[in-house]
All heavy atoms as atom14 arrays in JSON, in Angstrom:
{
  "sequence": "AFDPVLVAATLAQPAELTPLAALRATVDVIREQVSGQDWED",
  "atom14_mask": [
    [1, 1, 1, 1, 1, 0, 0, 0, 0, 0, 0, 0, 0, 0],
    [1, 1, 1, 1, 1, 1, 1, 1, 1, 1, 1, 0, 0, 0],
    [1, 1, 1, 1, 1, 1, 1, 1, 0, 0, 0, 0, 0, 0],
    [1, 1, 1, 1, 1, 1, 1, 0, 0, 0, 0, 0, 0, 0],
    [1, 1, 1, 1, 1, 1, 1, 0, 0, 0, 0, 0, 0, 0],
    [1, 1, 1, 1, 1, 1, 1, 1, 0, 0, 0, 0, 0, 0],
    [1, 1, 1, 1, 1, 1, 1, 0, 0, 0, 0, 0, 0, 0],
    [1, 1, 1, 1, 1, 0, 0, 0, 0, 0, 0, 0, 0, 0],
    [1, 1, 1, 1, 1, 0, 0, 0, 0, 0, 0, 0, 0, 0],
    [1, 1, 1, 1, 1, 1, 1, 0, 0, 0, 0, 0, 0, 0],
    [1, 1, 1, 1, 1, 1, 1, 1, 0, 0, 0, 0, 0, 0],
    [1, 1, 1, 1, 1, 0, 0, 0, 0, 0, 0, 0, 0, 0],
    [1, 1, 1, 1, 1, 1, 1, 1, 1, 0, 0, 0, 0, 0],
    [1, 1, 1, 1, 1, 1, 1, 0, 0, 0, 0, 0, 0, 0],
    [1, 1, 1, 1, 1, 0, 0, 0, 0, 0, 0, 0, 0, 0],
    [1, 1, 1, 1, 1, 1, 1, 1, 1, 0, 0, 0, 0, 0],
    [1, 1, 1, 1, 1, 1, 1, 1, 0, 0, 0, 0, 0, 0],
    [1, 1, 1, 1, 1, 1, 1, 0, 0, 0, 0, 0, 0, 0],
    [1, 1, 1, 1, 1, 1, 1, 0, 0, 0, 0, 0, 0, 0],
    [1, 1, 1, 1, 1, 1, 1, 1, 0, 0, 0, 0, 0, 0],
    [1, 1, 1, 1, 1, 0, 0, 0, 0, 0, 0, 0, 0, 0],
    [1, 1, 1, 1, 1, 0, 0, 0, 0, 0, 0, 0, 0, 0],
    [1, 1, 1, 1, 1, 1, 1, 1, 0, 0, 0, 0, 0, 0],
    [1, 1, 1, 1, 1, 1, 1, 1, 1, 1, 1, 0, 0, 0],
    [1, 1, 1, 1, 1, 0, 0, 0, 0, 0, 0, 0, 0, 0],
    [1, 1, 1, 1, 1, 1, 1, 0, 0, 0, 0, 0, 0, 0],
    [1, 1, 1, 1, 1, 1, 1, 0, 0, 0, 0, 0, 0, 0],
    [1, 1, 1, 1, 1, 1, 1, 1, 0, 0, 0, 0, 0, 0],
    [1, 1, 1, 1, 1, 1, 1, 0, 0, 0, 0, 0, 0, 0],
    [1, 1, 1, 1, 1, 1, 1, 1, 0, 0, 0, 0, 0, 0],
    [1, 1, 1, 1, 1, 1, 1, 1, 1, 1, 1, 0, 0, 0],
    [1, 1, 1, 1, 1, 1, 1, 1, 1, 0, 0, 0, 0, 0],
    [1, 1, 1, 1, 1, 1, 1, 1, 1, 0, 0, 0, 0, 0],
    [1, 1, 1, 1, 1, 1, 1, 0, 0, 0, 0, 0, 0, 0],
    [1, 1, 1, 1, 1, 1, 0, 0, 0, 0, 0, 0, 0, 0],
    [1, 1, 1, 1, 0, 0, 0, 0, 0, 0, 0, 0, 0, 0],
    [1, 1, 1, 1, 1, 1, 1, 1, 1, 0, 0, 0, 0, 0],
    [1, 1, 1, 1, 1, 1, 1, 1, 0, 0, 0, 0, 0, 0],
    [1, 1, 1, 1, 1, 1, 1, 1, 1, 1, 1, 1, 1, 1],
    [1, 1, 1, 1, 1, 1, 1, 1, 1, 0, 0, 0, 0, 0],
    [1, 1, 1, 1, 1, 1, 1, 1, 0, 0, 0, 0, 0, 0]
  ],
  "atom14_positions": [
    [[-0.12, 12.51, -12.31], [-0.62, 12.59, -10.93], [-0.04, 11.49, -10.04], [-0.22, 11.52, -8.82], [-2.14, 12.51, -10.93], [0.0, 0.0, 0.0], [0.0, 0.0, 0.0], [0.0, 0.0, 0.0], [0.0, 0.0, 0.0], [0.0, 0.0, 0.0], [0.0, 0.0, 0.0], [0.0, 0.0, 0.0], [0.0, 0.0, 0.0], [0.0, 0.0, 0.0]],
    [[0.66, 10.53, -10.63], [1.19, 9.42, -9.84], [2.53, 9.72, -9.2], [2.99, 8.97, -8.35], [1.29, 8.15, -10.71], [-0.02, 7.48, -10.91], [-0.91, 7.93, -11.86], [-0.39, 6.4, -10.12], [-2.14, 7.33, -12.04], [-1.62, 5.79, -10.28], [-2.49, 6.26, -11.24], [0.0, 0.0, 0.0], [0.0, 0.0, 0.0], [0.0, 0.0, 0.0]],
    [[3.17, 10.8, -9.6], [4.49, 11.12, -9.04], [4.48, 11.21, -7.51], [5.36, 10.64, -6.86], [5.04, 12.41, -9.64], [5.7, 12.2, -10.98], [5.82, 11.03, -11.4], [6.1, 13.19, -11.61], [0.0, 0.0, 0.0], [0.0, 0.0, 0.0], [0.0, 0.0, 0.0], [0.0, 0.0, 0.0], [0.0, 0.0, 0.0], [0.0, 0.0, 0.0]],
    [[3.52, 11.91, -6.89], [3.55, 11.98, -5.42], [3.42, 10.61, -4.76], [4.05, 10.34, -3.74], [2.34, 12.87, -5.07], [2.1, 13.67, -6.31], [2.46, 12.77, -7.44], [0.0, 0.0, 0.0], [0.0, 0.0, 0.0], [0.0, 0.0, 0.0], [0.0, 0.0, 0.0], [0.0, 0.0, 0.0], [0.0, 0.0, 0.0], [0.0, 0.0, 0.0]],
    [[2.58, 9.74, -5.34], [2.42, 8.38, -4.81], [3.74, 7.62, -4.93], [4.18, 6.95, -4.0], [1.3, 7.63, -5.57], [1.18, 6.19, -5.09], [-0.03, 8.35, -5.41], [0.0, 0.0, 0.0], [0.0, 0.0, 0.0], [0.0, 0.0, 0.0], [0.0, 0.0, 0.0], [0.0, 0.0, 0.0], [0.0, 0.0, 0.0], [0.0, 0.0, 0.0]],
    [[4.38, 7.75, -6.09], [5.65, 7.08, -6.34], [6.72, 7.55, -5.36], [7.43, 6.74, -4.75], [6.1, 7.35, -7.78], [7.48, 6.83, -8.16], [7.44, 5.33, -8.33], [7.98, 7.5, -9.43], [0.0, 0.0, 0.0], [0.0, 0.0, 0.0], [0.0, 0.0, 0.0], [0.0, 0.0, 0.0], [0.0, 0.0, 0.0], [0.0, 0.0, 0.0]],
    [[6.84, 8.86, -5.19], [7.86, 9.41, -4.29], [7.63, 8.94, -2.86], [8.55, 8.44, -2.21], [7.87, 10.96, -4.36], [8.76, 11.54, -3.27], [8.32, 11.44, -5.73], [0.0, 0.0, 0.0], [0.0, 0.0, 0.0], [0.0, 0.0, 0.0], [0.0, 0.0, 0.0], [0.0, 0.0, 0.0], [0.0, 0.0, 0.0], [0.0, 0.0, 0.0]],
    [[6.4, 9.08, -2.38], [6.1, 8.7, -0.99], [6.35, 7.21, -0.77], [6.93, 6.81, 0.24], [4.66, 9.06, -0.65], [0.0, 0.0, 0.0], [0.0, 0.0, 0.0], [0.0, 0.0, 0.0], [0.0, 0.0, 0.0], [0.0, 0.0, 0.0], [0.0, 0.0, 0.0], [0.0, 0.0, 0.0], [0.0, 0.0, 0.0], [0.0, 0.0, 0.0]],
    [[5.9, 6.38, -1.71], [6.06, 4.93, -1.56], [7.52, 4.52, -1.61], [7.95, 3.64, -0.86], [5.26, 4.2, -2.63], [0.0, 0.0, 0.0], [0.0, 0.0, 0.0], [0.0, 0.0, 0.0], [0.0, 0.0, 0.0], [0.0, 0.0, 0.0], [0.0, 0.0, 0.0], [0.0, 0.0, 0.0], [0.0, 0.0, 0.0], [0.0, 0.0, 0.0]],
    [[8.3, 5.16, -2.46], [9.72, 4.81, -2.58], [10.48, 5.21, -1.32], [11.28, 4.45, -0.78], [10.35, 5.48, -3.81], [9.63, 5.07, -4.98], [11.8, 5.09, -3.98], [0.0, 0.0, 0.0], [0.0, 0.0, 0.0], [0.0, 0.0, 0.0], [0.0, 0.0, 0.0], [0.0, 0.0, 0.0], [0.0, 0.0, 0.0], [0.0, 0.0, 0.0]],
    [[10.21, 6.41, -0.83], [10.92, 6.88, 0.37], [10.52, 6.11, 1.61], [11.28, 6.05, 2.59], [10.68, 8.38, 0.57], [11.32, 9.29, -0.49], [10.95, 10.75, -0.23], [12.83, 9.12, -0.54], [0.0, 0.0, 0.0], [0.0, 0.0, 0.0], [0.0, 0.0, 0.0], [0.0, 0.0, 0.0], [0.0, 0.0, 0.0], [0.0, 0.0, 0.0]],
    [[9.33, 5.49, 1.59], [8.86, 4.74, 2.75], [9.39, 3.3, 2.8], [9.2, 2.61, 3.8], [7.33, 4.71, 2.76], [0.0, 0.0, 0.0], [0.0, 0.0, 0.0], [0.0, 0.0, 0.0], [0.0, 0.0, 0.0], [0.0, 0.0, 0.0], [0.0, 0.0, 0.0], [0.0, 0.0, 0.0], [0.0, 0.0, 0.0], [0.0, 0.0, 0.0]],
    [[10.08, 2.87, 1.76], [10.6, 1.5, 1.75], [11.71, 1.34, 2.78], [12.42, 2.29, 3.1], [11.13, 1.14, 0.34], [10.07, 1.12, -0.73], [8.91, 0.21, -0.39], [9.1, -0.91, 0.08], [7.7, 0.7, -0.62], [0.0, 0.0, 0.0], [0.0, 0.0, 0.0], [0.0, 0.0, 0.0], [0.0, 0.0, 0.0], [0.0, 0.0, 0.0]],
    [[11.87, 0.13, 3.33], [12.9, -0.09, 4.36], [14.29, 0.34, 3.89], [14.66, 0.13, 2.72], [12.84, -1.61, 4.58], [11.46, -2.01, 4.16], [11.1, -1.08, 3.03], [0.0, 0.0, 0.0], [0.0, 0.0, 0.0], [0.0, 0.0, 0.0], [0.0, 0.0, 0.0], [0.0, 0.0, 0.0], [0.0, 0.0, 0.0], [0.0, 0.0, 0.0]],
    [[15.04, 0.93, 4.79], [16.35, 1.48, 4.45], [17.33, 0.42, 3.95], [18.24, 0.72, 3.18], [16.95, 2.19, 5.67], [0.0, 0.0, 0.0], [0.0, 0.0, 0.0], [0.0, 0.0, 0.0], [0.0, 0.0, 0.0], [0.0, 0.0, 0.0], [0.0, 0.0, 0.0], [0.0, 0.0, 0.0], [0.0, 0.0, 0.0], [0.0, 0.0, 0.0]],
    [[17.13, -0.85, 4.37], [18.07, -1.89, 3.95], [17.9, -2.31, 2.49], [18.77, -2.99, 1.94], [17.97, -3.12, 4.86], [16.63, -3.83, 4.83], [15.65, -3.3, 5.88], [15.89, -2.2, 6.42], [14.66, -3.99, 6.13], [0.0, 0.0, 0.0], [0.0, 0.0, 0.0], [0.0, 0.0, 0.0], [0.0, 0.0, 0.0], [0.0, 0.0, 0.0]],
    [[16.79, -1.92, 1.86], [16.6, -2.26, 0.45], [17.52, -1.43, -0.43], [17.73, -0.24, -0.16], [15.15, -2.02, 0.03], [14.07, -2.92, 0.61], [12.71, -2.55, 0.04], [14.38, -4.38, 0.35], [0.0, 0.0, 0.0], [0.0, 0.0, 0.0], [0.0, 0.0, 0.0], [0.0, 0.0, 0.0], [0.0, 0.0, 0.0], [0.0, 0.0, 0.0]],
    [[18.03, -2.04, -1.48], [18.79, -1.27, -2.46], [17.83, -0.31, -3.16], [16.6, -0.54, -3.15], [19.43, -2.19, -3.51], [18.38, -2.79, -4.28], [20.31, -3.24, -2.88], [0.0, 0.0, 0.0], [0.0, 0.0, 0.0], [0.0, 0.0, 0.0], [0.0, 0.0, 0.0], [0.0, 0.0, 0.0], [0.0, 0.0, 0.0], [0.0, 0.0, 0.0]],
    [[18.33, 0.74, -3.79], [17.42, 1.64, -4.51], [16.54, 0.92, -5.54], [15.35, 1.23, -5.66], [18.38, 2.64, -5.17], [19.54, 2.71, -4.23], [19.7, 1.29, -3.75], [0.0, 0.0, 0.0], [0.0, 0.0, 0.0], [0.0, 0.0, 0.0], [0.0, 0.0, 0.0], [0.0, 0.0, 0.0], [0.0, 0.0, 0.0], [0.0, 0.0, 0.0]],
    [[17.1, -0.06, -6.27], [16.29, -0.78, -7.24], [15.25, -1.66, -6.57], [14.1, -1.74, -7.03], [17.18, -1.63, -8.16], [17.76, -0.91, -9.37], [18.68, -1.84, -10.14], [16.67, -0.39, -10.28], [0.0, 0.0, 0.0], [0.0, 0.0, 0.0], [0.0, 0.0, 0.0], [0.0, 0.0, 0.0], [0.0, 0.0, 0.0], [0.0, 0.0, 0.0]],
    [[15.62, -2.3, -5.49], [14.65, -3.13, -4.76], [13.52, -2.25, -4.21], [12.36, -2.66, -4.2], [15.34, -3.89, -3.63], [0.0, 0.0, 0.0], [0.0, 0.0, 0.0], [0.0, 0.0, 0.0], [0.0, 0.0, 0.0], [0.0, 0.0, 0.0], [0.0, 0.0, 0.0], [0.0, 0.0, 0.0], [0.0, 0.0, 0.0], [0.0, 0.0, 0.0]],
    [[13.86, -1.05, -3.77], [12.84, -0.12, -3.27], [11.88, 0.27, -4.4], [10.66, 0.37, -4.19], [13.5, 1.12, -2.68], [0.0, 0.0, 0.0], [0.0, 0.0, 0.0], [0.0, 0.0, 0.0], [0.0, 0.0, 0.0], [0.0, 0.0, 0.0], [0.0, 0.0, 0.0], [0.0, 0.0, 0.0], [0.0, 0.0, 0.0], [0.0, 0.0, 0.0]],
    [[12.41, 0.47, -5.6], [11.55, 0.79, -6.74], [10.62, -0.36, -7.06], [9.43, -0.16, -7.35], [12.39, 1.13, -7.98], [12.89, 2.55, -8.13], [13.64, 2.7, -9.43], [11.74, 3.55, -8.07], [0.0, 0.0, 0.0], [0.0, 0.0, 0.0], [0.0, 0.0, 0.0], [0.0, 0.0, 0.0], [0.0, 0.0, 0.0], [0.0, 0.0, 0.0]],
    [[11.13, -1.57, -7.04], [10.29, -2.74, -7.32], [9.2, -2.88, -6.26], [8.05, -3.2, -6.58], [11.13, -4.0, -7.41], [12.04, -4.01, -8.63], [12.67, -5.36, -8.86], [11.65, -6.3, -9.32], [11.85, -7.61, -9.38], [13.0, -8.13, -9.0], [10.91, -8.42, -9.81], [0.0, 0.0, 0.0], [0.0, 0.0, 0.0], [0.0, 0.0, 0.0]],
    [[9.54, -2.64, -5.02], [8.54, -2.71, -3.95], [7.49, -1.62, -4.13], [6.31, -1.81, -3.81], [9.22, -2.59, -2.59], [0.0, 0.0, 0.0], [0.0, 0.0, 0.0], [0.0, 0.0, 0.0], [0.0, 0.0, 0.0], [0.0, 0.0, 0.0], [0.0, 0.0, 0.0], [0.0, 0.0, 0.0], [0.0, 0.0, 0.0], [0.0, 0.0, 0.0]],
    [[7.92, -0.48, -4.66], [6.99, 0.63, -4.91], [5.92, 0.24, -5.92], [4.77, 0.65, -5.8], [7.78, 1.87, -5.38], [8.66, 2.27, -4.32], [6.86, 3.01, -5.74], [0.0, 0.0, 0.0], [0.0, 0.0, 0.0], [0.0, 0.0, 0.0], [0.0, 0.0, 0.0], [0.0, 0.0, 0.0], [0.0, 0.0, 0.0], [0.0, 0.0, 0.0]],
    [[6.29, -0.54, -6.92], [5.31, -1.0, -7.91], [4.19, -1.77, -7.2], [3.0, -1.59, -7.51], [5.98, -1.87, -9.0], [4.94, -2.51, -9.91], [6.95, -1.03, -9.82], [0.0, 0.0, 0.0], [0.0, 0.0, 0.0], [0.0, 0.0, 0.0], [0.0, 0.0, 0.0], [0.0, 0.0, 0.0], [0.0, 0.0, 0.0], [0.0, 0.0, 0.0]],
    [[4.56, -2.59, -6.22], [3.54, -3.34, -5.46], [2.65, -2.4, -4.66], [1.44, -2.61, -4.57], [4.22, -4.34, -4.52], [4.93, -5.46, -5.28], [4.52, -5.77, -6.42], [5.9, -6.0, -4.74], [0.0, 0.0, 0.0], [0.0, 0.0, 0.0], [0.0, 0.0, 0.0], [0.0, 0.0, 0.0], [0.0, 0.0, 0.0], [0.0, 0.0, 0.0]],
    [[3.23, -1.36, -4.08], [2.45, -0.38, -3.32], [1.44, 0.31, -4.23], [0.27, 0.5, -3.87], [3.37, 0.66, -2.64], [2.56, 1.79, -2.03], [4.23, -0.01, -1.57], [0.0, 0.0, 0.0], [0.0, 0.0, 0.0], [0.0, 0.0, 0.0], [0.0, 0.0, 0.0], [0.0, 0.0, 0.0], [0.0, 0.0, 0.0], [0.0, 0.0, 0.0]],
    [[1.89, 0.68, -5.42], [0.99, 1.35, -6.37], [-0.16, 0.42, -6.74], [-1.32, 0.85, -6.82], [1.76, 1.83, -7.61], [2.69, 2.99, -7.22], [0.82, 2.26, -8.72], [3.63, 3.44, -8.3], [0.0, 0.0, 0.0], [0.0, 0.0, 0.0], [0.0, 0.0, 0.0], [0.0, 0.0, 0.0], [0.0, 0.0, 0.0], [0.0, 0.0, 0.0]],
    [[0.15, -0.84, -6.96], [-0.92, -1.82, -7.27], [-1.97, -1.84, -6.17], [-3.17, -1.96, -6.43], [-0.32, -3.22, -7.41], [0.27, -3.53, -8.74], [0.61, -5.02, -8.79], [1.47, -5.34, -9.89], [1.07, -5.52, -11.14], [-0.21, -5.39, -11.43], [1.93, -5.82, -12.09], [0.0, 0.0, 0.0], [0.0, 0.0, 0.0], [0.0, 0.0, 0.0]],
    [[-1.53, -1.74, -4.91], [-2.44, -1.82, -3.77], [-3.21, -0.52, -3.55], [-4.38, -0.54, -3.19], [-1.66, -2.16, -2.5], [-1.05, -3.54, -2.5], [-0.06, -3.75, -1.37], [0.06, -2.84, -0.51], [0.61, -4.8, -1.34], [0.0, 0.0, 0.0], [0.0, 0.0, 0.0], [0.0, 0.0, 0.0], [0.0, 0.0, 0.0], [0.0, 0.0, 0.0]],
    [[-2.56, 0.62, -3.77], [-3.16, 1.91, -3.41], [-4.02, 2.53, -4.51], [-4.89, 3.34, -4.21], [-2.06, 2.92, -3.03], [-1.39, 2.61, -1.72], [-0.43, 3.71, -1.3], [-0.19, 4.67, -2.03], [0.15, 3.56, -0.11], [0.0, 0.0, 0.0], [0.0, 0.0, 0.0], [0.0, 0.0, 0.0], [0.0, 0.0, 0.0], [0.0, 0.0, 0.0]],
    [[-3.76, 2.18, -5.76], [-4.45, 2.83, -6.87], [-5.59, 1.93, -7.34], [-5.39, 0.74, -7.59], [-3.46, 3.12, -8.02], [-4.18, 3.76, -9.2], [-2.35, 4.05, -7.53], [0.0, 0.0, 0.0], [0.0, 0.0, 0.0], [0.0, 0.0, 0.0], [0.0, 0.0, 0.0], [0.0, 0.0, 0.0], [0.0, 0.0, 0.0], [0.0, 0.0, 0.0]],
    [[-6.78, 2.51, -7.45], [-7.95, 1.72, -7.88], [-7.77, 1.25, -9.32], [-7.02, 1.83, -10.09], [-9.22, 2.56, -7.77], [-9.27, 3.51, -8.83], [0.0, 0.0, 0.0], [0.0, 0.0, 0.0], [0.0, 0.0, 0.0], [0.0, 0.0, 0.0], [0.0, 0.0, 0.0], [0.0, 0.0, 0.0], [0.0, 0.0, 0.0], [0.0, 0.0, 0.0]],
    [[-8.52, 0.21, -9.65], [-8.44, -0.34, -11.01], [-8.78, 0.69, -12.06], [-8.11, 0.78, -13.09], [0.0, 0.0, 0.0], [0.0, 0.0, 0.0], [0.0, 0.0, 0.0], [0.0, 0.0, 0.0], [0.0, 0.0, 0.0], [0.0, 0.0, 0.0], [0.0, 0.0, 0.0], [0.0, 0.0, 0.0], [0.0, 0.0, 0.0], [0.0, 0.0, 0.0]],
    [[-9.82, 1.52, -11.82], [-10.21, 2.52, -12.8], [-9.15, 3.61, -12.92], [-8.83, 4.06, -14.03], [-11.56, 3.15, -12.44], [-12.08, 4.12, -13.5], [-12.18, 3.49, -14.88], [-12.83, 2.47, -15.06], [-11.53, 4.1, -15.86], [0.0, 0.0, 0.0], [0.0, 0.0, 0.0], [0.0, 0.0, 0.0], [0.0, 0.0, 0.0], [0.0, 0.0, 0.0]],
    [[-8.59, 4.04, -11.78], [-7.55, 5.07, -11.83], [-6.33, 4.57, -12.61], [-5.72, 5.31, -13.37], [-7.12, 5.48, -10.42], [-8.15, 6.36, -9.74], [-9.06, 6.86, -10.43], [-8.06, 6.53, -8.51], [0.0, 0.0, 0.0], [0.0, 0.0, 0.0], [0.0, 0.0, 0.0], [0.0, 0.0, 0.0], [0.0, 0.0, 0.0], [0.0, 0.0, 0.0]],
    [[-5.98, 3.29, -12.37], [-4.82, 2.77, -13.1], [-5.14, 2.61, -14.58], [-4.28, 2.88, -15.43], [-4.32, 1.45, -12.51], [-3.13, 1.0, -13.28], [-3.03, -0.05, -14.12], [-1.87, 1.69, -13.36], [-1.78, -0.09, -14.7], [-1.05, 0.97, -14.25], [-1.37, 2.85, -12.75], [0.25, 1.37, -14.56], [-0.07, 3.23, -13.06], [0.72, 2.5, -13.95]],
    [[-6.36, 2.23, -14.93], [-6.73, 2.13, -16.34], [-6.68, 3.5, -17.0], [-6.2, 3.64, -18.13], [-8.14, 1.54, -16.48], [-8.65, 1.47, -17.91], [-7.76, 0.67, -18.87], [-6.98, -0.18, -18.41], [-7.83, 0.92, -20.1], [0.0, 0.0, 0.0], [0.0, 0.0, 0.0], [0.0, 0.0, 0.0], [0.0, 0.0, 0.0], [0.0, 0.0, 0.0]],
    [[-7.13, 4.54, -16.3], [-7.03, 5.91, -16.83], [-5.56, 6.28, -17.06], [-5.21, 6.89, -18.07], [-7.67, 6.91, -15.86], [-9.19, 6.77, -15.8], [-9.78, 6.12, -16.69], [-9.78, 7.32, -14.85], [0.0, 0.0, 0.0], [0.0, 0.0, 0.0], [0.0, 0.0, 0.0], [0.0, 0.0, 0.0], [0.0, 0.0, 0.0], [0.0, 0.0, 0.0]]
  ]
}
């Protein structure tokens, strides 16, 4: 179920970021957007 969150967060990263930097920034977005229980599940 996390794929849509991942896709949206990655595509929303600033255009100047490299693809890998955008992925790393996406990890931070997921940390912020996903509740502790959802991430534990």
